[in-house]
C-alpha atoms as a PDB file:
ATOM      1  CA  MET A   1     220.842 102.982  92.893  1.00  0.00           C
ATOM      2  CA  MET A   2     219.837 106.423  94.130  1.00  0.00           C
ATOM      3  CA  ALA A   3     221.785 109.484  93.158  1.00  0.00           C
ATOM      4  CA  ALA A   4     223.374 111.572  95.889  1.00  0.00           C
ATOM      5  CA  ARG A   5     221.263 114.543  96.801  1.00  0.00           C
ATOM      6  CA  SER A   6     222.856 117.922  96.266  1.00  0.00           C
ATOM      7  CA  GLY A   7     221.940 121.144  97.961  1.00  0.00           C
ATOM      8  CA  PRO A   8     221.438 122.073 101.590  1.00  0.00           C
ATOM      9  CA  PRO A   9     220.697 119.310 104.105  1.00  0.00           C
ATOM     10  CA  GLY A  10     217.086 118.775 105.101  1.00  0.00           C
ATOM     11  CA  PRO A  11     215.520 119.156 108.544  1.00  0.00           C
ATOM     12  CA  ALA A  12     216.329 115.550 109.508  1.00  0.00           C
ATOM     13  CA  ALA A  13     220.062 116.135 109.006  1.00  0.00           C
ATOM     14  CA  ALA A  14     219.872 119.345 111.037  1.00  0.00           C
ATOM     15  CA  HIS A  15     218.120 117.449 113.845  1.00  0.00           C
ATOM     16  CA  VAL A  16     220.811 114.733 113.850  1.00  0.00           C
ATOM     17  CA  ARG A  17     223.557 117.377 114.049  1.00  0.00           C
ATOM     18  CA  HIS A  18     221.730 119.108 116.905  1.00  0.00           C
ATOM     19  CA  CYS A  19     221.239 115.868 118.864  1.00  0.00           C
ATOM     20  CA  SER A  20     224.840 114.782 118.374  1.00  0.00           C
ATOM     21  CA  LYS A  21     226.007 118.018 120.006  1.00  0.00           C
ATOM     22  CA  ALA A  22     223.774 117.592 123.054  1.00  0.00           C
ATOM     23  CA  PRO A  23     225.660 116.296 126.089  1.00  0.00           C
ATOM     24  CA  ALA A  24     224.816 112.798 127.218  1.00  0.00           C
ATOM     25  CA  PRO A  25     223.009 112.604 130.535  1.00  0.00           C
ATOM     26  CA  ARG A  26     225.384 111.929 133.422  1.00  0.00           C
ATOM     27  CA  ILE A  27     224.832 108.637 135.204  1.00  0.00           C
ATOM     28  CA  SER A  28     225.081 108.960 138.978  1.00  0.00           C
ATOM     29  CA  ALA A  29     226.988 106.733 141.390  1.00  0.00           C
ATOM     30  CA  LYS A  30     223.623 105.619 142.755  1.00  0.00           C
ATOM     31  CA  ASP A  31     222.526 104.486 139.258  1.00  0.00           C
ATOM     32  CA  TYR A  32     225.746 102.525 138.826  1.00  0.00           C
ATOM     33  CA  GLY A  33     225.332 100.995 142.288  1.00  0.00           C
ATOM     34  CA  GLN A  34     221.815  99.835 141.454  1.00  0.00           C
ATOM     35  CA  GLU A  35     223.106  98.315 138.216  1.00  0.00           C
ATOM     36  CA  ILE A  36     225.819  96.425 140.110  1.00  0.00           C
ATOM     37  CA  MET A  37     223.243  95.097 142.583  1.00  0.00           C
ATOM     38  CA  ARG A  38     221.021  93.904 139.704  1.00  0.00           C
ATOM     39  CA  CYS A  39     224.045  92.182 138.166  1.00  0.00           C
ATOM     40  CA  ALA A  40     224.811  90.457 141.464  1.00  0.00           C
ATOM     41  CA  LYS A  41     221.240  89.165 141.753  1.00  0.00           C
ATOM     42  CA  MET A  42     221.398  87.821 138.203  1.00  0.00           C
ATOM     43  CA  ASN A  43     224.881  86.268 138.650  1.00  0.00           C
ATOM     44  CA  LEU A  44     226.410  88.547 136.012  1.00  0.00           C
ATOM     45  CA  TRP A  45     229.786  88.765 137.731  1.00  0.00           C
ATOM     46  CA  GLN A  46     231.674  90.120 134.702  1.00  0.00           C
ATOM     47  CA  LYS A  47     229.237  92.964 134.187  1.00  0.00           C
ATOM     48  CA  ALA A  48     229.324  93.797 137.917  1.00  0.00           C
ATOM     49  CA  PHE A  49     233.130  93.732 137.921  1.00  0.00           C
ATOM     50  CA  PHE A  50     233.454  95.982 134.879  1.00  0.00           C
ATOM     51  CA  THR A  51     230.740  98.360 136.062  1.00  0.00           C
ATOM     52  CA  ILE A  52     233.015  99.229 138.988  1.00  0.00           C
ATOM     53  CA  ALA A  53     235.744 100.090 136.464  1.00  0.00           C
ATOM     54  CA  ARG A  54     233.281 102.100 134.378  1.00  0.00           C
ATOM     55  CA  MET A  55     232.299 104.116 137.456  1.00  0.00           C
ATOM     56  CA  GLU A  56     235.928 104.977 138.086  1.00  0.00           C
ATOM     57  CA  SER A  57     236.440 105.985 134.456  1.00  0.00           C
ATOM     58  CA  GLN A  58     233.570 108.451 134.963  1.00  0.00           C
ATOM     59  CA  GLU A  59     235.370 109.790 138.055  1.00  0.00           C
ATOM     60  CA  LEU A  60     232.745 108.326 140.387  1.00  0.00           C
ATOM     61  CA  THR A  61     233.737 106.492 143.553  1.00  0.00           C
ATOM     62  CA  PRO A  62     231.993 103.166 144.145  1.00  0.00           C
ATOM     63  CA  ASP A  63     230.468 102.980 147.603  1.00  0.00           C
ATOM     64  CA  VAL A  64     230.655 100.107 150.051  1.00  0.00           C
ATOM     65  CA  TRP A  65     227.421  98.561 148.747  1.00  0.00           C
ATOM     66  CA  SER A  66     228.645  98.612 145.150  1.00  0.00           C
ATOM     67  CA  TYR A  67     231.867  96.852 146.090  1.00  0.00           C
ATOM     68  CA  THR A  68     230.035  94.353 148.276  1.00  0.00           C
ATOM     69  CA  ALA A  69     227.535  93.485 145.548  1.00  0.00           C
ATOM     70  CA  ALA A  70     230.277  93.097 142.912  1.00  0.00           C
ATOM     71  CA  MET A  71     232.363  90.912 145.249  1.00  0.00           C
ATOM     72  CA  SER A  72     229.313  88.824 146.033  1.00  0.00           C
ATOM     73  CA  ALA A  73     228.613  88.280 142.322  1.00  0.00           C
ATOM     74  CA  CYS A  74     232.229  87.271 141.724  1.00  0.00           C
ATOM     75  CA  GLY A  75     232.246  84.986 144.751  1.00  0.00           C
ATOM     76  CA  ARG A  76     229.059  83.180 143.713  1.00  0.00           C
ATOM     77  CA  ALA A  77     230.599  82.546 140.311  1.00  0.00           C
ATOM     78  CA  GLN A  78     233.758  81.246 142.016  1.00  0.00           C
ATOM     79  CA  GLN A  79     235.792  84.089 140.536  1.00  0.00           C
ATOM     80  CA  TRP A  80     237.906  84.452 143.661  1.00  0.00           C
ATOM     81  CA  GLU A  81     240.743  86.397 142.071  1.00  0.00           C
ATOM     82  CA  GLN A  82     238.362  89.094 140.834  1.00  0.00           C
ATOM     83  CA  SER A  83     236.579  89.170 144.177  1.00  0.00           C
ATOM     84  CA  LEU A  84     239.885  89.582 146.030  1.00  0.00           C
ATOM     85  CA  SER A  85     240.948  92.268 143.570  1.00  0.00           C
ATOM     86  CA  LEU A  86     237.775  94.220 144.362  1.00  0.00           C
ATOM     87  CA  PHE A  87     238.324  93.645 148.083  1.00  0.00           C
ATOM     88  CA  ARG A  88     241.849  95.077 147.921  1.00  0.00           C
ATOM     89  CA  GLU A  89     240.635  98.005 145.856  1.00  0.00           C
ATOM     90  CA  SER A  90     237.830  98.737 148.313  1.00  0.00           C
ATOM     91  CA  LEU A  91     240.317  98.772 151.200  1.00  0.00           C
ATOM     92  CA  ASP A  92     242.637 101.081 149.268  1.00  0.00           C
ATOM     93  CA  LYS A  93     239.732 103.471 148.753  1.00  0.00           C
ATOM     94  CA  ARG A  94     238.529 103.165 152.340  1.00  0.00           C
ATOM     95  CA  SER A  95     235.270 101.485 151.306  1.00  0.00           C
ATOM     96  CA  ALA A  96     235.565  98.288 153.336  1.00  0.00           C
ATOM     97  CA  PRO A  97     232.929  95.707 152.416  1.00  0.00           C
ATOM     98  CA  VAL A  98     230.041  94.859 154.684  1.00  0.00           C
ATOM     99  CA  LEU A  99     231.015  91.680 156.532  1.00  0.00           C
ATOM    100  CA  ARG A 100     227.363  90.786 157.144  1.00  0.00           C
ATOM    101  CA  SER A 101     227.138  90.002 153.432  1.00  0.00           C
ATOM    102  CA  TYR A 102     229.484  87.049 153.728  1.00  0.00           C
ATOM    103  CA  ARG A 103     227.709  85.024 156.425  1.00  0.00           C
END
């Protein structure tokens, strides 16, 4: 067992403290939208659904394409309740889905 080191912290500890104080890079709505579209293509409906919620928690508004992709992922997985929930939310936020996506 190693003894605890006494004395001032070394340069590695100072670097960790410095990095922990640096602000995290802000993820844009476009980045989130691209993530949702990737999820839809890979049939990851849960991740697409919760990415919409994560956007909102970051005070970003999902656009029509984000909602459409998330609804599409939910629909393909036969998660109709989640898809309808997203549909209602998109209407409430005036981001109506693209009907062309459902043909």
